[in-house]
Amino acid sequence: MGYVGAVLVRHLRKVMPEAILVGYDTGYFKDSLMPGAELPERLLQQQIIGDIRDLNESHLTNVDGVIHLAAISNDPMGSRFELVTEEINYRAGMKLARCAVSQGVRSFVFASSCSLYGFAEGGPRKEEDPLNPLTAYAKSKAEMERSLASMDPKNTSMTCLRFATACGASDRLRLDLVLNDFVASAVSEKKITIMSDGTPWRPLIDVEDMARAMEWALTRNPQGHGSCLSVNVGTDSWNFQVRDLADAVARAIPGCSISLNPLATPDRRSYRVDFSKFRKIAPDYQPRATLPATIQKLCASLHQAFPGGGIRRDHLLRLKTLERMLSEGVLDQELRQKTLLQAPLS
């Protein structure tokens, strides 16, 4: 019921029309649905409202595959909720993995992140290079990968997809992602403000290409790649410096200006990534999106949802959403719900 999940559900239903698809989610971000969008959950056989910390083996009876997306999902939220990030992203994630192995789940797909490379000078990082996670979010991804690699998977195929930074349109859009934020600012304000000097490197991937990679991981033959595979997912041509992303958005939206902050504290997160392994082992699932096309789709989605240009941002920012729910007493400080959230299926 999040940004990636909404796109993933539509993709899996398209490529696996006979599959029984079941969702499990807290529903905290259900209201980030774009105006006019249909509920992605209608494509599922069942949507369970629950906290991953409470998930147990009974939820995985007769399940063939698990795609694990649940997480405190970016650095600002990880900084604000550091202990909860470890509890949800790592401890609850490993509990889910152990339940999957115990129940004989054939394929376990973990949405990891290239952010675990942290600050990486020199050439693009390969899977064998040292990890340098700098934030609670990145550290939780690294710990999860290490623990998955060290456990006995029995007959479960484990795949850790180290995704580049997500971007692109979704029925449940997020604007706390670098490219999405730039496009929203350009559409609504005709101005992009870069909080750094623009030099940090970020690899990006369109969320639709993320969904295709997860399909591959769910169905891949584990022979030849080991019982637990970690792989960078993206494409070499989508390694960008932040200022290049801003320039690309400004070219697509006439009249848009860009401001840099050359005196900003250096961004510790800067890395390029080598995607040759993914290119070799998943040749039929390589990213298809182009940066101009992704920008245009985002523009079209925002114009359709907010025709007057006044983009309402708070409900499309994950940290703002959690802080609002805390202030309203819906959640406690451990991000446990205090009042029942209903699935938006009626």
C-alpha atoms as a PDB file:
ATOM      1  CA  MET A   1       0.000   0.000   0.000  1.00  0.00           C
ATOM      2  CA  GLY A   2       3.012   2.250  -0.502  1.00  0.00           C
ATOM      3  CA  TYR A   3       4.830   3.950  -3.350  1.00  0.00           C
ATOM      4  CA  VAL A   4       6.544   0.862  -4.782  1.00  0.00           C
ATOM      5  CA  GLY A   5       3.829  -1.603  -3.807  1.00  0.00           C
ATOM      6  CA  ALA A   6       1.157   0.206  -5.818  1.00  0.00           C
ATOM      7  CA  VAL A   7       3.193  -0.183  -9.005  1.00  0.00           C
ATOM      8  CA  LEU A   8       4.285  -3.726  -8.151  1.00  0.00           C
ATOM      9  CA  VAL A   9       0.702  -4.925  -7.653  1.00  0.00           C
ATOM     10  CA  ARG A  10      -0.357  -3.674 -11.082  1.00  0.00           C
ATOM     11  CA  HIS A  11       2.691  -5.244 -12.721  1.00  0.00           C
ATOM     12  CA  LEU A  12       2.288  -8.644 -11.078  1.00  0.00           C
ATOM     13  CA  ARG A  13      -1.413  -8.762 -11.888  1.00  0.00           C
ATOM     14  CA  LYS A  14      -0.569  -8.035 -15.536  1.00  0.00           C
ATOM     15  CA  VAL A  15       2.203 -10.632 -15.919  1.00  0.00           C
ATOM     16  CA  MET A  16       0.677 -13.229 -13.562  1.00  0.00           C
ATOM     17  CA  PRO A  17      -3.082 -12.923 -14.135  1.00  0.00           C
ATOM     18  CA  GLU A  18      -3.861 -16.236 -12.421  1.00  0.00           C
ATOM     19  CA  ALA A  19      -1.712 -15.636  -9.344  1.00  0.00           C
ATOM     20  CA  ILE A  20      -3.263 -15.266  -5.900  1.00  0.00           C
ATOM     21  CA  LEU A  21      -1.856 -11.958  -4.639  1.00  0.00           C
ATOM     22  CA  VAL A  22      -2.067 -11.043  -0.962  1.00  0.00           C
ATOM     23  CA  GLY A  23      -0.941  -7.740   0.545  1.00  0.00           C
ATOM     24  CA  TYR A  24       0.183  -7.112   4.121  1.00  0.00           C
ATOM     25  CA  ASP A  25       0.582  -3.501   5.253  1.00  0.00           C
ATOM     26  CA  THR A  26      -0.073  -1.135   8.151  1.00  0.00           C
ATOM     27  CA  GLY A  27      -2.014   1.182   5.860  1.00  0.00           C
ATOM     28  CA  TYR A  28      -0.210   4.217   7.292  1.00  0.00           C
ATOM     29  CA  PHE A  29       0.270   5.727   3.826  1.00  0.00           C
ATOM     30  CA  LYS A  30      -3.016   4.691   2.245  1.00  0.00           C
ATOM     31  CA  ASP A  31      -4.099   8.342   1.982  1.00  0.00           C
ATOM     32  CA  SER A  32      -1.188   9.208  -0.311  1.00  0.00           C
ATOM     33  CA  LEU A  33      -3.346   7.905  -3.160  1.00  0.00           C
ATOM     34  CA  MET A  34      -3.222  10.330  -6.071  1.00  0.00           C
ATOM     35  CA  PRO A  35      -6.539  12.075  -6.870  1.00  0.00           C
ATOM     36  CA  GLY A  36      -8.471  10.083  -9.429  1.00  0.00           C
ATOM     37  CA  ALA A  37      -6.361   6.936  -9.036  1.00  0.00           C
ATOM     38  CA  GLU A  38      -8.030   3.576  -8.541  1.00  0.00           C
ATOM     39  CA  LEU A  39      -7.123   1.599  -5.451  1.00  0.00           C
ATOM     40  CA  PRO A  40      -4.290  -0.824  -6.281  1.00  0.00           C
ATOM     41  CA  GLU A  41      -5.628  -3.167  -3.571  1.00  0.00           C
ATOM     42  CA  ARG A  42      -8.584  -3.999  -5.804  1.00  0.00           C
ATOM     43  CA  LEU A  43      -6.174  -6.100  -7.875  1.00  0.00           C
ATOM     44  CA  LEU A  44      -5.392  -8.328  -4.883  1.00  0.00           C
ATOM     45  CA  GLN A  45      -7.303 -11.329  -3.649  1.00  0.00           C
ATOM     46  CA  GLN A  46      -6.753 -10.070  -0.110  1.00  0.00           C
ATOM     47  CA  GLN A  47      -5.283  -7.021   1.655  1.00  0.00           C
ATOM     48  CA  ILE A  48      -4.349  -7.671   5.289  1.00  0.00           C
ATOM     49  CA  ILE A  49      -3.925  -4.634   7.548  1.00  0.00           C
ATOM     50  CA  GLY A  50      -1.160  -5.480   9.992  1.00  0.00           C
ATOM     51  CA  ASP A  51       2.238  -4.494  11.357  1.00  0.00           C
ATOM     52  CA  ILE A  52       5.194  -6.536  10.084  1.00  0.00           C
ATOM     53  CA  ARG A  53       6.334  -6.824  13.696  1.00  0.00           C
ATOM     54  CA  ASP A  54       3.203  -8.911  14.334  1.00  0.00           C
ATOM     55  CA  LEU A  55       3.412 -11.125  11.261  1.00  0.00           C
ATOM     56  CA  ASN A  56       3.853 -14.835  11.989  1.00  0.00           C
ATOM     57  CA  GLU A  57       4.085 -18.197  10.237  1.00  0.00           C
ATOM     58  CA  SER A  58       0.311 -18.514   9.900  1.00  0.00           C
ATOM     59  CA  HIS A  59       0.321 -15.620   7.421  1.00  0.00           C
ATOM     60  CA  LEU A  60       2.609 -17.602   5.108  1.00  0.00           C
ATOM     61  CA  THR A  61       0.716 -20.886   4.915  1.00  0.00           C
ATOM     62  CA  ASN A  62       0.653 -22.100   1.286  1.00  0.00           C
ATOM     63  CA  VAL A  63       2.600 -19.026   0.140  1.00  0.00           C
ATOM     64  CA  ASP A  64       4.987 -19.597  -2.785  1.00  0.00           C
ATOM     65  CA  GLY A  65       6.794 -16.253  -2.778  1.00  0.00           C
ATOM     66  CA  VAL A  66       7.346 -13.211  -0.567  1.00  0.00           C
ATOM     67  CA  ILE A  67       8.364  -9.765  -1.792  1.00  0.00           C
ATOM     68  CA  HIS A  68       9.489  -7.846   1.270  1.00  0.00           C
ATOM     69  CA  LEU A  69       9.039  -4.068   0.882  1.00  0.00           C
ATOM     70  CA  ALA A  70       8.020  -3.017   4.402  1.00  0.00           C
ATOM     71  CA  ALA A  71      10.429  -0.521   5.969  1.00  0.00           C
ATOM     72  CA  ILE A  72      11.017   2.862   7.512  1.00  0.00           C
ATOM     73  CA  SER A  73      11.857   3.959   4.058  1.00  0.00           C
ATOM     74  CA  ASN A  74      14.326   6.826   3.896  1.00  0.00           C
ATOM     75  CA  ASP A  75      17.130   8.614   5.731  1.00  0.00           C
ATOM     76  CA  PRO A  76      15.097  11.435   7.354  1.00  0.00           C
ATOM     77  CA  MET A  77      12.634   8.925   8.823  1.00  0.00           C
ATOM     78  CA  GLY A  78      15.491   6.664   9.890  1.00  0.00           C
ATOM     79  CA  SER A  79      17.136   9.583  11.687  1.00  0.00           C
ATOM     80  CA  ARG A  80      13.891  10.565  13.411  1.00  0.00           C
ATOM     81  CA  PHE A  81      13.031   6.965  14.390  1.00  0.00           C
ATOM     82  CA  GLU A  82      16.426   5.284  14.647  1.00  0.00           C
ATOM     83  CA  LEU A  83      15.565   2.509  17.119  1.00  0.00           C
ATOM     84  CA  VAL A  84      12.267   1.801  15.403  1.00  0.00           C
ATOM     85  CA  THR A  85      14.085   1.588  12.067  1.00  0.00           C
ATOM     86  CA  GLU A  86      16.282  -1.205  13.425  1.00  0.00           C
ATOM     87  CA  GLU A  87      13.268  -2.964  14.926  1.00  0.00           C
ATOM     88  CA  ILE A  88      11.170  -2.823  11.745  1.00  0.00           C
ATOM     89  CA  ASN A  89      13.714  -2.905   8.931  1.00  0.00           C
ATOM     90  CA  TYR A  90      16.068  -5.466  10.446  1.00  0.00           C
ATOM     91  CA  ARG A  91      14.571  -7.456  13.311  1.00  0.00           C
ATOM     92  CA  ALA A  92      11.051  -7.753  11.912  1.00  0.00           C
ATOM     93  CA  GLY A  93      12.490  -8.346   8.436  1.00  0.00           C
ATOM     94  CA  MET A  94      14.553 -11.270   9.679  1.00  0.00           C
ATOM     95  CA  LYS A  95      11.571 -12.667  11.558  1.00  0.00           C
ATOM     96  CA  LEU A  96       9.678 -12.594   8.259  1.00  0.00           C
ATOM     97  CA  ALA A  97      12.552 -14.373   6.500  1.00  0.00           C
ATOM     98  CA  ARG A  98      12.706 -17.094   9.164  1.00  0.00           C
ATOM     99  CA  CYS A  99       8.942 -17.593   8.912  1.00  0.00           C
ATOM    100  CA  ALA A 100       9.259 -17.882   5.141  1.00  0.00           C
ATOM    101  CA  VAL A 101      11.963 -20.550   5.412  1.00  0.00           C
ATOM    102  CA  SER A 102      10.012 -22.427   8.088  1.00  0.00           C
ATOM    103  CA  GLN A 103       6.892 -22.476   5.901  1.00  0.00           C
ATOM    104  CA  GLY A 104       8.773 -23.636   2.811  1.00  0.00           C
ATOM    105  CA  VAL A 105       8.296 -20.438   0.809  1.00  0.00           C
ATOM    106  CA  ARG A 106      10.089 -21.007  -2.485  1.00  0.00           C
ATOM    107  CA  SER A 107      11.288 -17.454  -3.142  1.00  0.00           C
ATOM    108  CA  PHE A 108      12.058 -14.589  -0.755  1.00  0.00           C
ATOM    109  CA  VAL A 109      12.778 -11.212  -2.371  1.00  0.00           C
ATOM    110  CA  PHE A 110      14.222  -8.438  -0.224  1.00  0.00           C
ATOM    111  CA  ALA A 111      14.103  -4.826  -1.423  1.00  0.00           C
ATOM    112  CA  SER A 112      17.556  -3.667  -0.378  1.00  0.00           C
ATOM    113  CA  SER A 113      19.279  -0.441  -1.431  1.00  0.00           C
ATOM    114  CA  CYS A 114      22.406   0.920  -3.063  1.00  0.00           C
ATOM    115  CA  SER A 115      22.492   3.417  -0.185  1.00  0.00           C
ATOM    116  CA  LEU A 116      24.475   0.860   1.787  1.00  0.00           C
ATOM    117  CA  TYR A 117      27.530   1.967  -0.244  1.00  0.00           C
ATOM    118  CA  GLY A 118      27.313   5.311   1.584  1.00  0.00           C
ATOM    119  CA  PHE A 119      30.196   7.573   0.601  1.00  0.00           C
ATOM    120  CA  ALA A 120      32.245   5.829  -2.063  1.00  0.00           C
ATOM    121  CA  GLU A 121      34.994   7.681  -3.867  1.00  0.00           C
ATOM    122  CA  GLY A 122      36.537   6.305  -7.030  1.00  0.00           C
ATOM    123  CA  GLY A 123      34.786   4.108  -9.555  1.00  0.00           C
ATOM    124  CA  PRO A 124      31.291   2.647  -9.499  1.00  0.00           C
ATOM    125  CA  ARG A 125      30.675   0.167  -6.707  1.00  0.00           C
ATOM    126  CA  LYS A 126      30.274  -3.536  -7.404  1.00  0.00           C
ATOM    127  CA  GLU A 127      28.547  -6.088  -5.196  1.00  0.00           C
ATOM    128  CA  GLU A 128      31.878  -7.374  -3.854  1.00  0.00           C
ATOM    129  CA  ASP A 129      33.081  -3.932  -2.751  1.00  0.00           C
ATOM    130  CA  PRO A 130      33.050  -2.965   0.948  1.00  0.00           C
ATOM    131  CA  LEU A 131      29.808  -1.553   2.328  1.00  0.00           C
ATOM    132  CA  ASN A 132      29.806   1.832   4.022  1.00  0.00           C
ATOM    133  CA  PRO A 133      26.290   2.459   5.359  1.00  0.00           C
ATOM    134  CA  LEU A 134      26.096   5.905   6.945  1.00  0.00           C
ATOM    135  CA  THR A 135      22.467   6.168   8.072  1.00  0.00           C
ATOM    136  CA  ALA A 136      20.101   4.093  10.174  1.00  0.00           C
ATOM    137  CA  TYR A 137      18.173   3.184   7.018  1.00  0.00           C
ATOM    138  CA  ALA A 138      21.268   2.037   5.127  1.00  0.00           C
ATOM    139  CA  LYS A 139      22.645   0.183   8.163  1.00  0.00           C
ATOM    140  CA  SER A 140      19.383  -1.736   8.522  1.00  0.00           C
ATOM    141  CA  LYS A 141      19.605  -2.852   4.890  1.00  0.00           C
ATOM    142  CA  ALA A 142      23.223  -3.974   5.327  1.00  0.00           C
ATOM    143  CA  GLU A 143      22.435  -5.910   8.511  1.00  0.00           C
ATOM    144  CA  MET A 144      19.483  -7.616   6.854  1.00  0.00           C
ATOM    145  CA  GLU A 145      21.635  -8.718   3.921  1.00  0.00           C
ATOM    146  CA  ARG A 146      24.379 -10.060   6.198  1.00  0.00           C
ATOM    147  CA  SER A 147      21.892 -12.022   8.285  1.00  0.00           C
ATOM    148  CA  LEU A 148      20.132 -13.464   5.246  1.00  0.00           C
ATOM    149  CA  ALA A 149      23.478 -14.600   3.837  1.00  0.00           C
ATOM    150  CA  SER A 150      24.417 -16.349   7.083  1.00  0.00           C
ATOM    151  CA  MET A 151      21.139 -18.201   7.725  1.00  0.00           C
ATOM    152  CA  ASP A 152      20.258 -21.668   6.466  1.00  0.00           C
ATOM    153  CA  PRO A 153      17.703 -21.001   3.705  1.00  0.00           C
ATOM    154  CA  LYS A 154      16.797 -24.678   3.276  1.00  0.00           C
ATOM    155  CA  ASN A 155      14.773 -24.705   0.048  1.00  0.00           C
ATOM    156  CA  THR A 156      14.099 -20.966  -0.084  1.00  0.00           C
ATOM    157  CA  SER A 157      15.791 -18.874  -2.758  1.00  0.00           C
ATOM    158  CA  MET A 158      16.902 -15.543  -1.241  1.00  0.00           C
ATOM    159  CA  THR A 159      17.409 -12.482  -3.467  1.00  0.00           C
ATOM    160  CA  CYS A 160      18.558  -9.094  -2.166  1.00  0.00           C
ATOM    161  CA  LEU A 161      17.878  -6.413  -4.759  1.00  0.00           C
ATOM    162  CA  ARG A 162      20.127  -3.413  -4.120  1.00  0.00           C
ATOM    163  CA  PHE A 163      17.935  -0.850  -5.812  1.00  0.00           C
ATOM    164  CA  ALA A 164      19.112   2.513  -7.038  1.00  0.00           C
ATOM    165  CA  THR A 165      17.104   5.483  -5.736  1.00  0.00           C
ATOM    166  CA  ALA A 166      13.486   5.091  -6.766  1.00  0.00           C
ATOM    167  CA  CYS A 167      11.707   7.638  -8.928  1.00  0.00           C
ATOM    168  CA  GLY A 168       8.729   7.908 -11.232  1.00  0.00           C
ATOM    169  CA  ALA A 169       4.954   8.010 -11.156  1.00  0.00           C
ATOM    170  CA  SER A 170       2.831   5.831  -8.879  1.00  0.00           C
ATOM    171  CA  ASP A 171      -0.766   5.716  -7.704  1.00  0.00           C
ATOM    172  CA  ARG A 172       0.680   6.407  -4.247  1.00  0.00           C
ATOM    173  CA  LEU A 173       3.295   9.004  -5.036  1.00  0.00           C
ATOM    174  CA  ARG A 174       6.173  10.020  -2.791  1.00  0.00           C
ATOM    175  CA  LEU A 175       7.730  13.454  -3.105  1.00  0.00           C
ATOM    176  CA  ASP A 176      10.559  12.811  -0.628  1.00  0.00           C
ATOM    177  CA  LEU A 177      12.678  11.288  -3.399  1.00  0.00           C
ATOM    178  CA  VAL A 178      15.174  13.447  -5.237  1.00  0.00           C
ATOM    179  CA  LEU A 179      13.826  13.365  -8.792  1.00  0.00           C
ATOM    180  CA  ASN A 180      10.163  13.350  -7.732  1.00  0.00           C
ATOM    181  CA  ASP A 181      10.827  16.344  -5.482  1.00  0.00           C
ATOM    182  CA  PHE A 182      12.558  18.264  -8.275  1.00  0.00           C
ATOM    183  CA  VAL A 183       9.687  17.639 -10.690  1.00  0.00           C
ATOM    184  CA  ALA A 184       7.039  18.659  -8.136  1.00  0.00           C
ATOM    185  CA  SER A 185       8.940  21.853  -7.333  1.00  0.00           C
ATOM    186  CA  ALA A 186       9.359  22.671 -11.006  1.00  0.00           C
ATOM    187  CA  VAL A 187       5.678  22.069 -11.763  1.00  0.00           C
ATOM    188  CA  SER A 188       4.315  24.024  -8.821  1.00  0.00           C
ATOM    189  CA  GLU A 189       6.930  26.749  -8.294  1.00  0.00           C
ATOM    190  CA  LYS A 190       8.982  26.876 -11.511  1.00  0.00           C
ATOM    191  CA  LYS A 191      12.028  26.583  -9.276  1.00  0.00           C
ATOM    192  CA  ILE A 192      14.292  23.783  -8.064  1.00  0.00           C
ATOM    193  CA  THR A 193      16.258  24.353  -4.876  1.00  0.00           C
ATOM    194  CA  ILE A 194      19.226  22.034  -4.375  1.00  0.00           C
ATOM    195  CA  MET A 195      20.248  21.884  -0.732  1.00  0.00           C
ATOM    196  CA  SER A 196      23.827  20.880  -1.612  1.00  0.00           C
ATOM    197  CA  ASP A 197      26.378  22.044  -4.164  1.00  0.00           C
ATOM    198  CA  GLY A 198      24.862  19.550  -6.611  1.00  0.00           C
ATOM    199  CA  THR A 199      27.929  17.330  -6.941  1.00  0.00           C
ATOM    200  CA  PRO A 200      26.862  14.160  -5.016  1.00  0.00           C
ATOM    201  CA  TRP A 201      26.237  11.111  -7.185  1.00  0.00           C
ATOM    202  CA  ARG A 202      22.992   9.154  -7.122  1.00  0.00           C
ATOM    203  CA  PRO A 203      21.990   6.154  -9.209  1.00  0.00           C
ATOM    204  CA  LEU A 204      18.267   6.168 -10.052  1.00  0.00           C
ATOM    205  CA  ILE A 205      15.697   3.651 -11.243  1.00  0.00           C
ATOM    206  CA  ASP A 206      12.113   4.116 -12.374  1.00  0.00           C
ATOM    207  CA  VAL A 207       9.656   2.357 -10.071  1.00  0.00           C
ATOM    208  CA  GLU A 208       8.200   0.447 -13.030  1.00  0.00           C
ATOM    209  CA  ASP A 209      11.631  -1.049 -13.698  1.00  0.00           C
ATOM    210  CA  MET A 210      11.861  -1.937 -10.011  1.00  0.00           C
ATOM    211  CA  ALA A 211       8.650  -3.949 -10.386  1.00  0.00           C
ATOM    212  CA  ARG A 212      10.081  -5.845 -13.359  1.00  0.00           C
ATOM    213  CA  ALA A 213      13.232  -6.656 -11.381  1.00  0.00           C
ATOM    214  CA  MET A 214      11.138  -8.029  -8.536  1.00  0.00           C
ATOM    215  CA  GLU A 215       9.265 -10.227 -10.985  1.00  0.00           C
ATOM    216  CA  TRP A 216      12.626 -11.594 -12.128  1.00  0.00           C
ATOM    217  CA  ALA A 217      13.789 -12.231  -8.564  1.00  0.00           C
ATOM    218  CA  LEU A 218      10.526 -13.948  -7.684  1.00  0.00           C
ATOM    219  CA  THR A 219      10.789 -16.375 -10.607  1.00  0.00           C
ATOM    220  CA  ARG A 220      14.550 -16.732 -11.150  1.00  0.00           C
ATOM    221  CA  ASN A 221      16.295 -20.097 -11.231  1.00  0.00           C
ATOM    222  CA  PRO A 222      18.585 -20.148  -8.183  1.00  0.00           C
ATOM    223  CA  GLN A 223      20.993 -22.553  -9.834  1.00  0.00           C
ATOM    224  CA  GLY A 224      24.376 -20.970 -10.445  1.00  0.00           C
ATOM    225  CA  HIS A 225      23.892 -17.895  -8.258  1.00  0.00           C
ATOM    226  CA  GLY A 226      23.805 -19.411  -4.789  1.00  0.00           C
ATOM    227  CA  SER A 227      21.023 -19.687  -2.250  1.00  0.00           C
ATOM    228  CA  CYS A 228      21.357 -15.999  -1.291  1.00  0.00           C
ATOM    229  CA  LEU A 229      22.088 -13.503  -4.056  1.00  0.00           C
ATOM    230  CA  SER A 230      22.790  -9.787  -3.648  1.00  0.00           C
ATOM    231  CA  VAL A 231      22.746  -7.737  -6.831  1.00  0.00           C
ATOM    232  CA  ASN A 232      22.779  -4.044  -7.746  1.00  0.00           C
ATOM    233  CA  VAL A 233      19.618  -3.203  -9.686  1.00  0.00           C
ATOM    234  CA  GLY A 234      19.622  -0.303 -12.110  1.00  0.00           C
ATOM    235  CA  THR A 235      21.517   0.721 -15.215  1.00  0.00           C
ATOM    236  CA  ASP A 236      24.923   2.344 -15.646  1.00  0.00           C
ATOM    237  CA  SER A 237      23.512   5.218 -17.694  1.00  0.00           C
ATOM    238  CA  TRP A 238      21.349   6.282 -14.737  1.00  0.00           C
ATOM    239  CA  ASN A 239      24.267   7.284 -12.494  1.00  0.00           C
ATOM    240  CA  PHE A 240      23.712  11.034 -12.127  1.00  0.00           C
ATOM    241  CA  GLN A 241      25.038  13.943 -10.151  1.00  0.00           C
ATOM    242  CA  VAL A 242      22.222  15.786  -8.393  1.00  0.00           C
ATOM    243  CA  ARG A 243      22.768  18.941 -10.459  1.00  0.00           C
ATOM    244  CA  ASP A 244      22.398  16.914 -13.673  1.00  0.00           C
ATOM    245  CA  LEU A 245      18.988  15.713 -12.494  1.00  0.00           C
ATOM    246  CA  ALA A 246      17.922  19.274 -11.809  1.00  0.00           C
ATOM    247  CA  ASP A 247      19.127  20.331 -15.253  1.00  0.00           C
ATOM    248  CA  ALA A 248      17.139  17.534 -16.895  1.00  0.00           C
ATOM    249  CA  VAL A 249      13.960  18.590 -15.098  1.00  0.00           C
ATOM    250  CA  ALA A 250      14.512  22.267 -15.941  1.00  0.00           C
ATOM    251  CA  ARG A 251      14.922  21.404 -19.627  1.00  0.00           C
ATOM    252  CA  ALA A 252      11.581  19.573 -19.561  1.00  0.00           C
ATOM    253  CA  ILE A 253       9.686  22.411 -17.837  1.00  0.00           C
ATOM    254  CA  PRO A 254      10.160  25.787 -19.519  1.00  0.00           C
ATOM    255  CA  GLY A 255      10.782  28.732 -17.240  1.00  0.00           C
ATOM    256  CA  CYS A 256      12.140  26.641 -14.376  1.00  0.00           C
ATOM    257  CA  SER A 257      15.166  28.018 -12.511  1.00  0.00           C
ATOM    258  CA  ILE A 258      17.725  26.184 -10.365  1.00  0.00           C
ATOM    259  CA  SER A 259      19.411  27.389  -7.191  1.00  0.00           C
ATOM    260  CA  LEU A 260      22.442  25.704  -5.627  1.00  0.00           C
ATOM    261  CA  ASN A 261      23.875  26.027  -2.141  1.00  0.00           C
ATOM    262  CA  PRO A 262      27.665  26.030  -2.580  1.00  0.00           C
ATOM    263  CA  LEU A 263      28.160  26.679   1.146  1.00  0.00           C
ATOM    264  CA  ALA A 264      26.121  23.660   2.252  1.00  0.00           C
ATOM    265  CA  THR A 265      27.621  21.000   4.470  1.00  0.00           C
ATOM    266  CA  PRO A 266      28.964  18.283   2.155  1.00  0.00           C
ATOM    267  CA  ASP A 267      26.478  15.463   1.562  1.00  0.00           C
ATOM    268  CA  ARG A 268      28.085  12.311   2.958  1.00  0.00           C
ATOM    269  CA  ARG A 269      26.033  10.125   0.636  1.00  0.00           C
ATOM    270  CA  SER A 270      27.653  10.055  -2.775  1.00  0.00           C
ATOM    271  CA  TYR A 271      28.210   6.924  -4.806  1.00  0.00           C
ATOM    272  CA  ARG A 272      28.124   5.535  -8.311  1.00  0.00           C
ATOM    273  CA  VAL A 273      27.116   1.928  -8.859  1.00  0.00           C
ATOM    274  CA  ASP A 274      28.127  -0.791 -11.318  1.00  0.00           C
ATOM    275  CA  PHE A 275      25.127  -2.719 -12.654  1.00  0.00           C
ATOM    276  CA  SER A 276      27.000  -5.157 -14.901  1.00  0.00           C
ATOM    277  CA  LYS A 277      26.127  -8.194 -12.782  1.00  0.00           C
ATOM    278  CA  PHE A 278      22.400  -7.532 -13.094  1.00  0.00           C
ATOM    279  CA  ARG A 279      22.864  -6.973 -16.816  1.00  0.00           C
ATOM    280  CA  LYS A 280      24.557 -10.358 -17.121  1.00  0.00           C
ATOM    281  CA  ILE A 281      22.204 -12.498 -15.044  1.00  0.00           C
ATOM    282  CA  ALA A 282      18.886 -10.783 -15.924  1.00  0.00           C
ATOM    283  CA  PRO A 283      19.247  -9.691 -19.568  1.00  0.00           C
ATOM    284  CA  ASP A 284      15.498  -9.777 -20.220  1.00  0.00           C
ATOM    285  CA  TYR A 285      14.662  -7.583 -17.217  1.00  0.00           C
ATOM    286  CA  GLN A 286      16.906  -4.591 -17.805  1.00  0.00           C
ATOM    287  CA  PRO A 287      15.516  -1.117 -17.076  1.00  0.00           C
ATOM    288  CA  ARG A 288      13.573   0.305 -20.010  1.00  0.00           C
ATOM    289  CA  ALA A 289      12.669   3.796 -18.829  1.00  0.00           C
ATOM    290  CA  THR A 290      14.546   6.869 -19.983  1.00  0.00           C
ATOM    291  CA  LEU A 291      15.068   9.892 -17.758  1.00  0.00           C
ATOM    292  CA  PRO A 292      13.090  12.261 -20.044  1.00  0.00           C
ATOM    293  CA  ALA A 293      10.183   9.800 -20.201  1.00  0.00           C
ATOM    294  CA  THR A 294      10.132   9.367 -16.419  1.00  0.00           C
ATOM    295  CA  ILE A 295      10.126  13.143 -15.946  1.00  0.00           C
ATOM    296  CA  GLN A 296       7.304  13.566 -18.458  1.00  0.00           C
ATOM    297  CA  LYS A 297       5.172  10.882 -16.781  1.00  0.00           C
ATOM    298  CA  LEU A 298       5.689  12.545 -13.413  1.00  0.00           C
ATOM    299  CA  CYS A 299       4.717  15.914 -14.866  1.00  0.00           C
ATOM    300  CA  ALA A 300       1.597  14.458 -16.460  1.00  0.00           C
ATOM    301  CA  SER A 301       0.584  12.712 -13.239  1.00  0.00           C
ATOM    302  CA  LEU A 302       1.016  15.868 -11.160  1.00  0.00           C
ATOM    303  CA  HIS A 303      -0.826  18.065 -13.673  1.00  0.00           C
ATOM    304  CA  GLN A 304      -3.713  15.609 -13.744  1.00  0.00           C
ATOM    305  CA  ALA A 305      -3.889  15.297  -9.955  1.00  0.00           C
ATOM    306  CA  PHE A 306      -3.369  19.002  -9.230  1.00  0.00           C
ATOM    307  CA  PRO A 307      -4.584  20.885 -12.328  1.00  0.00           C
ATOM    308  CA  GLY A 308      -4.213  24.276 -10.657  1.00  0.00           C
ATOM    309  CA  GLY A 309      -0.547  23.669  -9.918  1.00  0.00           C
ATOM    310  CA  GLY A 310      -1.047  23.867  -6.145  1.00  0.00           C
ATOM    311  CA  ILE A 311       0.494  20.564  -5.153  1.00  0.00           C
ATOM    312  CA  ARG A 312      -0.507  19.491  -1.654  1.00  0.00           C
ATOM    313  CA  ARG A 313       2.737  18.001  -0.430  1.00  0.00           C
ATOM    314  CA  ASP A 314       2.377  16.939   3.196  1.00  0.00           C
ATOM    315  CA  HIS A 315       0.419  13.736   2.566  1.00  0.00           C
ATOM    316  CA  LEU A 316       2.970  12.796  -0.132  1.00  0.00           C
ATOM    317  CA  LEU A 317       5.915  13.118   2.288  1.00  0.00           C
ATOM    318  CA  ARG A 318       6.399  10.050   4.457  1.00  0.00           C
ATOM    319  CA  LEU A 319       7.950  11.775   7.475  1.00  0.00           C
ATOM    320  CA  LYS A 320       5.259  14.475   7.480  1.00  0.00           C
ATOM    321  CA  THR A 321       2.592  11.778   7.403  1.00  0.00           C
ATOM    322  CA  LEU A 322       4.053   9.942  10.394  1.00  0.00           C
ATOM    323  CA  GLU A 323       4.511  13.163  12.357  1.00  0.00           C
ATOM    324  CA  ARG A 324       0.885  14.104  11.716  1.00  0.00           C
ATOM    325  CA  MET A 325      -0.296  10.687  12.880  1.00  0.00           C
ATOM    326  CA  LEU A 326       1.826  11.045  16.016  1.00  0.00           C
ATOM    327  CA  SER A 327       0.400  14.485  16.794  1.00  0.00           C
ATOM    328  CA  GLU A 328      -3.153  13.214  16.272  1.00  0.00           C
ATOM    329  CA  GLY A 329      -2.575  10.277  18.619  1.00  0.00           C
ATOM    330  CA  VAL A 330      -3.036   7.664  15.907  1.00  0.00           C
ATOM    331  CA  LEU A 331       0.497   6.315  16.493  1.00  0.00           C
ATOM    332  CA  ASP A 332       2.742   6.061  19.534  1.00  0.00           C
ATOM    333  CA  GLN A 333       6.483   6.791  19.565  1.00  0.00           C
ATOM    334  CA  GLU A 334       7.265   3.224  18.453  1.00  0.00           C
ATOM    335  CA  LEU A 335       5.017   3.794  15.427  1.00  0.00           C
ATOM    336  CA  ARG A 336       2.466   1.353  16.768  1.00  0.00           C
ATOM    337  CA  GLN A 337      -1.089   2.264  15.878  1.00  0.00           C
ATOM    338  CA  LYS A 338      -3.339   3.307  18.732  1.00  0.00           C
ATOM    339  CA  THR A 339      -6.533   3.351  16.672  1.00  0.00           C
ATOM    340  CA  LEU A 340      -7.697   0.907  14.045  1.00  0.00           C
ATOM    341  CA  LEU A 341      -6.881   1.725  10.422  1.00  0.00           C
ATOM    342  CA  GLN A 342      -9.313   0.383   7.883  1.00  0.00           C
ATOM    343  CA  ALA A 343      -8.249  -0.943   4.507  1.00  0.00           C
ATOM    344  CA  PRO A 344      -9.655   1.293   1.728  1.00  0.00           C
ATOM    345  CA  LEU A 345     -11.398  -1.512  -0.142  1.00  0.00           C
ATOM    346  CA  SER A 346     -15.062  -0.554   0.041  1.00  0.00           C
END
